[in-house]
Amino acid sequence: MDAIEVAKSKGYRTIEVGTANSSIGQLAFYQKCGFRITGVDKDFFVRHYPEEIFENGIQCRDMVRLSQNL
């Protein structure tokens, strides 16, 4: 079942997701689905993962948070 529909059925008013600054495809996808960027958790992946992560030639450092009002 669609996560947005489940959240609505449970009475939630907002749904939030997070992805990496380097996740270009995911950032585009979420925005196409109606999510808006609400914040950035700087160095999230640097703090929580012992090894550097690279995606799309970009170091994965920050968590980009997006939300959508239901």
C-alpha atoms as a PDB file:
ATOM      1  CA  MET A   1       0.000   0.000   0.000  1.00  0.00           C
ATOM      2  CA  ASP A   2       1.147   3.534  -0.732  1.00  0.00           C
ATOM      3  CA  ALA A   3       2.894   5.125   2.271  1.00  0.00           C
ATOM      4  CA  ILE A   4       1.033   8.410   1.786  1.00  0.00           C
ATOM      5  CA  GLU A   5      -2.344   6.663   1.767  1.00  0.00           C
ATOM      6  CA  VAL A   6      -1.440   4.687   4.897  1.00  0.00           C
ATOM      7  CA  ALA A   7      -0.376   7.886   6.680  1.00  0.00           C
ATOM      8  CA  LYS A   8      -3.618   9.611   5.673  1.00  0.00           C
ATOM      9  CA  SER A   9      -5.705   6.644   6.852  1.00  0.00           C
ATOM     10  CA  LYS A  10      -4.001   6.820  10.259  1.00  0.00           C
ATOM     11  CA  GLY A  11      -4.778  10.527  10.586  1.00  0.00           C
ATOM     12  CA  TYR A  12      -1.293  11.920  10.052  1.00  0.00           C
ATOM     13  CA  ARG A  13      -1.158  15.461   8.733  1.00  0.00           C
ATOM     14  CA  THR A  14       2.455  15.482   7.508  1.00  0.00           C
ATOM     15  CA  ILE A  15       4.838  12.897   6.107  1.00  0.00           C
ATOM     16  CA  GLU A  16       8.605  13.402   6.151  1.00  0.00           C
ATOM     17  CA  VAL A  17      11.409  11.677   4.243  1.00  0.00           C
ATOM     18  CA  GLY A  18      15.152  12.119   4.172  1.00  0.00           C
ATOM     19  CA  THR A  19      17.797  11.378   1.578  1.00  0.00           C
ATOM     20  CA  ALA A  20      21.396  12.263   0.873  1.00  0.00           C
ATOM     21  CA  ASN A  21      22.587  15.452  -0.779  1.00  0.00           C
ATOM     22  CA  SER A  22      24.158  13.213  -3.439  1.00  0.00           C
ATOM     23  CA  SER A  23      20.927  11.339  -4.225  1.00  0.00           C
ATOM     24  CA  ILE A  24      20.012  13.378  -7.283  1.00  0.00           C
ATOM     25  CA  GLY A  25      17.387  10.955  -8.611  1.00  0.00           C
ATOM     26  CA  GLN A  26      15.682  10.566  -5.232  1.00  0.00           C
ATOM     27  CA  LEU A  27      15.574  14.328  -4.668  1.00  0.00           C
ATOM     28  CA  ALA A  28      13.905  14.819  -8.050  1.00  0.00           C
ATOM     29  CA  PHE A  29      11.469  11.950  -7.413  1.00  0.00           C
ATOM     30  CA  TYR A  30      10.327  13.223  -4.013  1.00  0.00           C
ATOM     31  CA  GLN A  31       9.806  16.746  -5.338  1.00  0.00           C
ATOM     32  CA  LYS A  32       7.788  15.409  -8.285  1.00  0.00           C
ATOM     33  CA  CYS A  33       5.626  13.615  -5.704  1.00  0.00           C
ATOM     34  CA  GLY A  34       4.878  16.906  -3.947  1.00  0.00           C
ATOM     35  CA  PHE A  35       7.490  16.916  -1.176  1.00  0.00           C
ATOM     36  CA  ARG A  36       9.218  20.192  -0.299  1.00  0.00           C
ATOM     37  CA  ILE A  37      12.696  20.582   1.178  1.00  0.00           C
ATOM     38  CA  THR A  38      12.347  21.557   4.830  1.00  0.00           C
ATOM     39  CA  GLY A  39      15.882  21.316   6.115  1.00  0.00           C
ATOM     40  CA  VAL A  40      19.389  19.946   5.917  1.00  0.00           C
ATOM     41  CA  ASP A  41      21.099  17.918   8.650  1.00  0.00           C
ATOM     42  CA  LYS A  42      24.689  18.873   7.906  1.00  0.00           C
ATOM     43  CA  ASP A  43      27.293  16.086   8.038  1.00  0.00           C
ATOM     44  CA  PHE A  44      24.651  13.475   8.966  1.00  0.00           C
ATOM     45  CA  PHE A  45      26.307  10.714   6.935  1.00  0.00           C
ATOM     46  CA  VAL A  46      29.808  11.716   8.040  1.00  0.00           C
ATOM     47  CA  ARG A  47      28.731  11.395  11.689  1.00  0.00           C
ATOM     48  CA  HIS A  48      26.818   8.118  11.310  1.00  0.00           C
ATOM     49  CA  TYR A  49      28.871   6.078   8.823  1.00  0.00           C
ATOM     50  CA  PRO A  50      32.523   5.159   9.421  1.00  0.00           C
ATOM     51  CA  GLU A  51      33.509   5.173   5.729  1.00  0.00           C
ATOM     52  CA  GLU A  52      32.997   7.882   3.136  1.00  0.00           C
ATOM     53  CA  ILE A  53      30.087   7.285   0.763  1.00  0.00           C
ATOM     54  CA  PHE A  54      30.043   8.588  -2.804  1.00  0.00           C
ATOM     55  CA  GLU A  55      27.044   8.645  -5.114  1.00  0.00           C
ATOM     56  CA  ASN A  56      26.861  10.242  -8.554  1.00  0.00           C
ATOM     57  CA  GLY A  57      30.453  11.405  -8.054  1.00  0.00           C
ATOM     58  CA  ILE A  58      29.415  13.469  -5.012  1.00  0.00           C
ATOM     59  CA  GLN A  59      30.344  12.758  -1.407  1.00  0.00           C
ATOM     60  CA  CYS A  60      27.272  11.834   0.614  1.00  0.00           C
ATOM     61  CA  ARG A  61      27.535  14.192   3.584  1.00  0.00           C
ATOM     62  CA  ASP A  62      24.227  15.861   4.399  1.00  0.00           C
ATOM     63  CA  MET A  63      20.719  14.522   5.014  1.00  0.00           C
ATOM     64  CA  VAL A  64      18.184  16.526   3.015  1.00  0.00           C
ATOM     65  CA  ARG A  65      14.797  16.429   4.736  1.00  0.00           C
ATOM     66  CA  LEU A  66      11.585  16.829   2.770  1.00  0.00           C
ATOM     67  CA  SER A  67       7.976  16.872   3.899  1.00  0.00           C
ATOM     68  CA  GLN A  68       4.493  16.915   2.462  1.00  0.00           C
ATOM     69  CA  ASN A  69       1.303  18.075   4.114  1.00  0.00           C
ATOM     70  CA  LEU A  70      -1.446  15.515   3.844  1.00  0.00           C
END
